[in-house]
Amino acid sequence: MTAPVVGFVGLGAMGAPMVRQLLAHDFVVVGANRSQGIVETLAAEGMAPAVDAREVATRSDVVLCALPDVDTVKTVATMIADVGRAGQIVIEHSTVSPQLARDHAALFAAHGIGFLDAPVSGGPAGAIAGTLTVMVGGEESTLNDARSVLEAFGNPIRHCGVVGSGQAVKLINQLLVGVHTAVSAEAAALGRALGVTETLLAEVIGTSFGASTMLLRNLPRFNTSDFTPATPVRLLEKDLGLVAHEGDTASVALPLTAVAARLFGDAAAQGLRDQDMAVLIELWRRSNP
């Protein structure tokens, strides 16, 4: 069976290493991005460059999207649908609402195009290692047709249910990421005030009931003040807004989400929106110099 030509729209911190994994697995990849520097870089590594999402869709069998905001996701979906053809598959890796995933599934279905919402977790490091958790919503048959593509960068790949369910699980994940990042900053700030270093916290709490993936991820960043963006504040601010909307729609109170969202909003207002989410520790440092 001939491998599909894979299109990729959005070659940022996640998209670029995902493309490199696809190339390493011998897929033909056609890619486009708003900023052209990364397109040129990946073209030199074997990716076929395209002008925009329309050209990507025209030249590809399976189209993957990893985009930073909802408006761009909507625009790109329309561009793909305009030129898409029956039998193609579109996979949305961006984090959006479950309803938008369902809307886009209907948009593509009208053109005979299959659709999966498949947000990922693991950050750029997981993309580089090919170990992203992929949360998939959509028809199982469509997932089976696209599985070889997803396996290039995803392990595990979880079928969560119907279209939109992948986004639902991802938003719950982002709720925890945001709250755990906020509380890890608070814990580190208290630790410093009590004379406990981030290194000691990682060693002791890392094997205790208080451990979390985000605590262990963020403590070294707190210690070195290296806030080079892997997952920037602006993305968590966006995602927590989506979480809050889903909570309101479902009439589920989310008080901890609200606190975390306020803290990320404060960080953005202080000029930190493009720094890594671990920069939240600066809110405590600036208030207690």
Protein backbone atom coordinates (compact mmCIF):
# COMPACT_ATOMS: atom_id res chain seq x y z
CA MET A 1 0.00 0.00 0.00
CA THR A 2 1.41 3.38 -1.01
CA ALA A 3 2.03 5.74 1.90
CA PRO A 4 -0.11 8.90 1.81
CA VAL A 5 1.36 12.28 1.02
CA VAL A 6 1.10 14.24 4.24
CA GLY A 7 0.37 17.95 4.32
CA PHE A 8 1.22 20.06 7.36
CA VAL A 9 -0.07 23.56 8.10
CA GLY A 10 1.56 25.33 11.03
CA LEU A 11 5.27 24.73 11.50
CA GLY A 12 5.80 26.24 14.93
CA ALA A 13 7.30 24.80 18.10
CA MET A 14 5.12 21.70 17.76
CA GLY A 15 4.60 21.46 14.02
CA ALA A 16 8.26 21.62 12.99
CA PRO A 17 9.44 18.63 15.08
CA MET A 18 6.32 16.70 14.07
CA VAL A 19 7.26 17.26 10.43
CA ARG A 20 10.79 16.08 11.15
CA GLN A 21 9.38 12.87 12.62
CA LEU A 22 7.23 12.34 9.52
CA LEU A 23 10.29 12.85 7.29
CA ALA A 24 12.29 10.42 9.42
CA HIS A 25 9.53 7.85 8.84
CA ASP A 26 9.88 8.35 5.07
CA PHE A 27 6.64 10.21 4.46
CA VAL A 28 6.48 12.76 1.66
CA VAL A 29 5.52 15.97 3.47
CA VAL A 30 4.18 19.20 1.99
CA GLY A 31 4.23 22.09 4.47
CA ALA A 32 3.20 25.71 4.82
CA ASN A 33 3.58 28.31 7.53
CA ARG A 34 2.88 32.01 7.95
CA SER A 35 6.54 32.72 8.79
CA GLN A 36 8.74 31.60 5.93
CA GLY A 37 12.03 31.02 7.77
CA ILE A 38 11.00 27.63 9.13
CA VAL A 39 9.59 26.64 5.74
CA GLU A 40 13.00 27.21 4.18
CA THR A 41 14.71 25.31 6.99
CA LEU A 42 12.45 22.28 6.67
CA ALA A 43 12.63 22.41 2.88
CA ALA A 44 16.39 21.99 3.21
CA GLU A 45 15.68 18.88 5.32
CA GLY A 46 13.40 17.30 2.72
CA MET A 47 9.96 18.87 3.16
CA ALA A 48 8.22 20.12 0.02
CA PRO A 49 7.30 23.79 0.60
CA ALA A 50 3.86 25.18 -0.20
CA VAL A 51 2.59 28.74 -0.37
CA ASP A 52 -0.44 28.28 1.87
CA ALA A 53 -3.00 25.83 3.23
CA ARG A 54 -4.80 25.64 -0.11
CA GLU A 55 -1.69 24.41 -1.88
CA VAL A 56 -0.99 21.97 0.95
CA ALA A 57 -4.49 20.50 0.62
CA THR A 58 -4.25 20.31 -3.17
CA ARG A 59 -1.03 18.28 -2.99
CA SER A 60 -1.77 16.03 0.01
CA ASP A 61 -3.82 12.99 0.99
CA VAL A 62 -3.79 13.63 4.74
CA VAL A 63 -3.62 17.21 6.00
CA LEU A 64 -2.44 17.95 9.55
CA CYS A 65 -2.89 21.32 11.25
CA ALA A 66 -1.10 22.62 14.35
CA LEU A 67 -2.14 26.24 14.76
CA PRO A 68 -1.89 28.74 17.62
CA ASP A 69 -5.34 30.33 17.82
CA VAL A 70 -8.99 29.74 17.03
CA ASP A 71 -9.29 32.37 14.30
CA THR A 72 -6.40 30.84 12.36
CA VAL A 73 -7.89 27.36 12.79
CA LYS A 74 -11.17 28.58 11.27
CA THR A 75 -9.46 30.34 8.37
CA VAL A 76 -7.29 27.36 7.50
CA ALA A 77 -10.24 24.95 7.69
CA THR A 78 -12.13 27.06 5.15
CA MET A 79 -9.10 27.19 2.86
CA ILE A 80 -8.71 23.41 2.96
CA ALA A 81 -12.42 22.77 2.39
CA ASP A 82 -12.39 25.11 -0.64
CA VAL A 83 -9.99 22.82 -2.52
CA GLY A 84 -10.38 19.51 -0.71
CA ARG A 85 -11.51 16.34 -2.38
CA ALA A 86 -13.41 13.25 -1.39
CA GLY A 87 -11.26 10.64 0.32
CA GLN A 88 -8.88 13.07 1.98
CA ILE A 89 -8.45 13.19 5.75
CA VAL A 90 -7.94 16.37 7.77
CA ILE A 91 -6.50 16.05 11.28
CA GLU A 92 -6.75 18.99 13.67
CA HIS A 93 -3.96 18.98 16.26
CA SER A 94 -4.71 22.52 17.46
CA THR A 95 -6.53 22.94 20.76
CA VAL A 96 -10.04 24.28 20.12
CA SER A 97 -13.52 23.74 21.52
CA PRO A 98 -15.33 20.44 21.01
CA GLN A 99 -18.08 22.34 19.18
CA LEU A 100 -15.65 23.86 16.69
CA ALA A 101 -14.30 20.36 16.03
CA ARG A 102 -17.85 19.18 15.33
CA ASP A 103 -18.49 22.19 13.07
CA HIS A 104 -15.35 21.46 11.06
CA ALA A 105 -16.22 17.77 10.80
CA ALA A 106 -19.53 18.78 9.21
CA LEU A 107 -17.78 21.27 6.92
CA PHE A 108 -15.39 18.62 5.63
CA ALA A 109 -18.02 15.89 5.44
CA ALA A 110 -19.95 18.02 2.96
CA HIS A 111 -16.94 17.62 0.64
CA GLY A 112 -16.46 13.91 1.36
CA ILE A 113 -13.41 14.62 3.52
CA GLY A 114 -12.77 12.64 6.69
CA PHE A 115 -11.93 14.51 9.89
CA LEU A 116 -10.26 13.77 13.21
CA ASP A 117 -9.75 16.15 16.09
CA ALA A 118 -6.46 15.00 17.55
CA PRO A 119 -4.90 17.46 19.99
CA VAL A 120 -1.58 16.41 21.49
CA SER A 121 0.25 16.67 24.79
CA GLY A 122 3.94 16.40 25.57
CA GLY A 123 5.21 19.74 24.34
CA PRO A 124 8.08 20.29 21.92
CA ALA A 125 10.20 17.72 23.78
CA GLY A 126 7.57 15.07 23.16
CA ALA A 127 7.32 16.07 19.51
CA ILE A 128 11.09 15.82 19.10
CA ALA A 129 11.12 12.40 20.77
CA GLY A 130 8.07 11.14 18.88
CA THR A 131 6.25 10.41 22.14
CA LEU A 132 3.29 12.80 22.01
CA THR A 133 0.06 11.65 23.58
CA VAL A 134 -2.52 11.97 20.80
CA MET A 135 -6.17 12.32 21.90
CA VAL A 136 -8.38 11.42 18.96
CA GLY A 137 -12.03 12.14 18.34
CA GLY A 138 -13.77 10.81 15.24
CA GLU A 139 -14.71 7.66 13.38
CA GLU A 140 -12.53 4.69 14.28
CA SER A 141 -12.27 3.76 10.60
CA THR A 142 -10.85 7.20 9.82
CA LEU A 143 -8.35 6.82 12.65
CA ASN A 144 -7.31 3.43 11.31
CA ASP A 145 -6.70 4.97 7.87
CA ALA A 146 -4.54 7.71 9.42
CA ARG A 147 -2.88 5.71 12.19
CA SER A 148 0.45 5.20 10.38
CA VAL A 149 0.78 8.98 10.04
CA LEU A 150 0.02 9.63 13.70
CA GLU A 151 2.41 6.89 14.80
CA ALA A 152 5.31 8.86 13.32
CA PHE A 153 5.16 11.26 16.27
CA GLY A 154 2.54 9.86 18.65
CA ASN A 155 2.80 7.26 21.38
CA PRO A 156 0.30 6.60 22.82
CA ILE A 157 -2.56 7.29 20.42
CA ARG A 158 -5.88 7.24 22.29
CA HIS A 159 -9.26 7.01 20.57
CA CYS A 160 -11.47 9.07 22.90
CA GLY A 161 -14.78 8.68 21.03
CA VAL A 162 -16.82 10.73 18.59
CA VAL A 163 -15.65 13.98 16.99
CA GLY A 164 -15.00 16.57 19.70
CA SER A 165 -14.05 14.06 22.37
CA GLY A 166 -10.35 14.50 21.70
CA GLN A 167 -10.72 18.22 22.35
CA ALA A 168 -12.77 17.55 25.49
CA VAL A 169 -10.01 15.39 26.95
CA LYS A 170 -7.33 17.91 25.90
CA LEU A 171 -9.16 20.77 27.63
CA ILE A 172 -9.35 18.76 30.85
CA ASN A 173 -5.61 18.14 30.47
CA GLN A 174 -5.06 21.89 30.02
CA LEU A 175 -7.14 22.63 33.10
CA LEU A 176 -4.71 20.47 35.07
CA VAL A 177 -1.64 21.91 33.33
CA GLY A 178 -2.74 25.45 34.18
CA VAL A 179 -3.71 24.75 37.78
CA HIS A 180 -0.64 22.58 38.45
CA THR A 181 1.67 25.21 36.96
CA ALA A 182 0.12 27.90 39.13
CA VAL A 183 0.33 25.85 42.31
CA SER A 184 3.88 24.70 41.53
CA ALA A 185 4.91 28.37 41.31
CA GLU A 186 3.15 29.06 44.60
CA ALA A 187 4.87 26.07 46.23
CA ALA A 188 8.30 27.16 44.95
CA ALA A 189 7.73 30.70 46.22
CA LEU A 190 6.85 29.39 49.68
CA GLY A 191 9.82 27.04 49.54
CA ARG A 192 12.21 29.90 48.87
CA ALA A 193 10.70 31.91 51.72
CA LEU A 194 11.27 28.94 54.04
CA GLY A 195 14.80 28.31 52.79
CA VAL A 196 13.95 25.24 50.67
CA THR A 197 15.51 25.16 47.21
CA GLU A 198 13.81 24.04 44.02
CA THR A 199 16.38 21.25 43.74
CA LEU A 200 15.45 19.84 47.14
CA LEU A 201 11.74 20.15 46.37
CA ALA A 202 12.22 18.15 43.16
CA GLU A 203 14.16 15.44 44.98
CA VAL A 204 11.76 15.04 47.89
CA ILE A 205 8.33 16.03 46.53
CA GLY A 206 9.14 14.22 43.29
CA THR A 207 8.68 10.90 45.13
CA SER A 208 5.85 12.07 47.39
CA PHE A 209 2.10 12.39 47.04
CA GLY A 210 2.49 16.06 46.13
CA ALA A 211 4.38 15.26 42.91
CA SER A 212 3.03 16.14 39.49
CA THR A 213 4.43 16.20 35.98
CA MET A 214 4.11 19.99 35.88
CA LEU A 215 5.84 20.44 39.24
CA LEU A 216 8.84 18.41 38.08
CA ARG A 217 8.81 20.15 34.69
CA ASN A 218 8.71 23.64 36.17
CA LEU A 219 11.00 23.43 39.20
CA PRO A 220 14.25 23.41 37.14
CA ARG A 221 12.96 26.38 35.16
CA PHE A 222 12.15 28.24 38.36
CA ASN A 223 15.67 27.48 39.61
CA THR A 224 17.49 28.73 36.51
CA SER A 225 14.97 31.40 35.46
CA ASP A 226 15.11 29.92 31.97
CA PHE A 227 11.71 30.77 30.53
CA THR A 228 12.52 30.08 26.89
CA PRO A 229 9.05 29.35 25.53
CA ALA A 230 8.14 25.71 25.07
CA THR A 231 4.52 26.28 26.07
CA PRO A 232 4.05 30.04 26.29
CA VAL A 233 1.73 31.89 28.65
CA ARG A 234 -0.46 33.05 25.75
CA LEU A 235 -1.38 29.46 24.85
CA LEU A 236 -2.40 28.60 28.41
CA GLU A 237 -4.36 31.84 28.61
CA LYS A 238 -6.24 30.81 25.44
CA ASP A 239 -6.78 27.22 26.56
CA LEU A 240 -8.03 28.15 30.02
CA GLY A 241 -10.50 30.50 28.35
CA LEU A 242 -11.80 27.53 26.37
CA VAL A 243 -11.99 25.45 29.54
CA ALA A 244 -13.98 28.19 31.30
CA HIS A 245 -16.40 28.38 28.37
CA GLU A 246 -16.99 24.62 28.48
CA GLY A 247 -17.57 24.79 32.22
CA ASP A 248 -20.12 27.58 31.79
CA THR A 249 -21.86 25.67 29.00
CA ALA A 250 -22.05 22.52 31.10
CA SER A 251 -22.99 24.45 34.29
CA VAL A 252 -19.93 23.07 36.09
CA ALA A 253 -18.22 25.46 38.52
CA LEU A 254 -14.46 25.64 37.95
CA PRO A 255 -13.08 27.87 40.73
CA LEU A 256 -9.49 26.62 40.52
CA THR A 257 -9.49 27.13 36.75
CA ALA A 258 -10.65 30.71 37.36
CA VAL A 259 -7.75 31.38 39.74
CA ALA A 260 -5.21 29.90 37.33
CA ALA A 261 -6.69 31.86 34.42
CA ARG A 262 -6.42 35.08 36.41
CA LEU A 263 -2.76 34.40 37.19
CA PHE A 264 -1.94 33.69 33.54
CA GLY A 265 -3.81 36.84 32.60
CA ASP A 266 -1.74 38.80 35.14
CA ALA A 267 1.46 37.37 33.66
CA ALA A 268 0.36 38.35 30.16
CA ALA A 269 -0.49 41.86 31.37
CA GLN A 270 3.02 42.15 32.81
CA GLY A 271 4.58 41.51 29.40
CA LEU A 272 5.27 37.81 29.91
CA ARG A 273 2.77 36.32 27.43
CA ASP A 274 5.44 34.98 25.07
CA GLN A 275 7.55 33.42 27.83
CA ASP A 276 7.22 29.81 28.96
CA MET A 277 4.34 29.14 31.33
CA ALA A 278 6.85 28.52 34.14
CA VAL A 279 7.40 32.29 34.14
CA LEU A 280 4.35 32.45 36.40
CA ILE A 281 6.87 32.31 39.29
CA GLU A 282 7.72 35.92 38.41
CA LEU A 283 4.37 37.04 39.81
CA TRP A 284 5.55 35.97 43.26
CA ARG A 285 9.10 37.24 42.79
CA ARG A 286 7.94 40.67 41.68
CA SER A 287 5.51 40.99 44.57
CA ASN A 288 8.15 39.80 47.09
CA PRO A 289 11.53 41.04 45.75
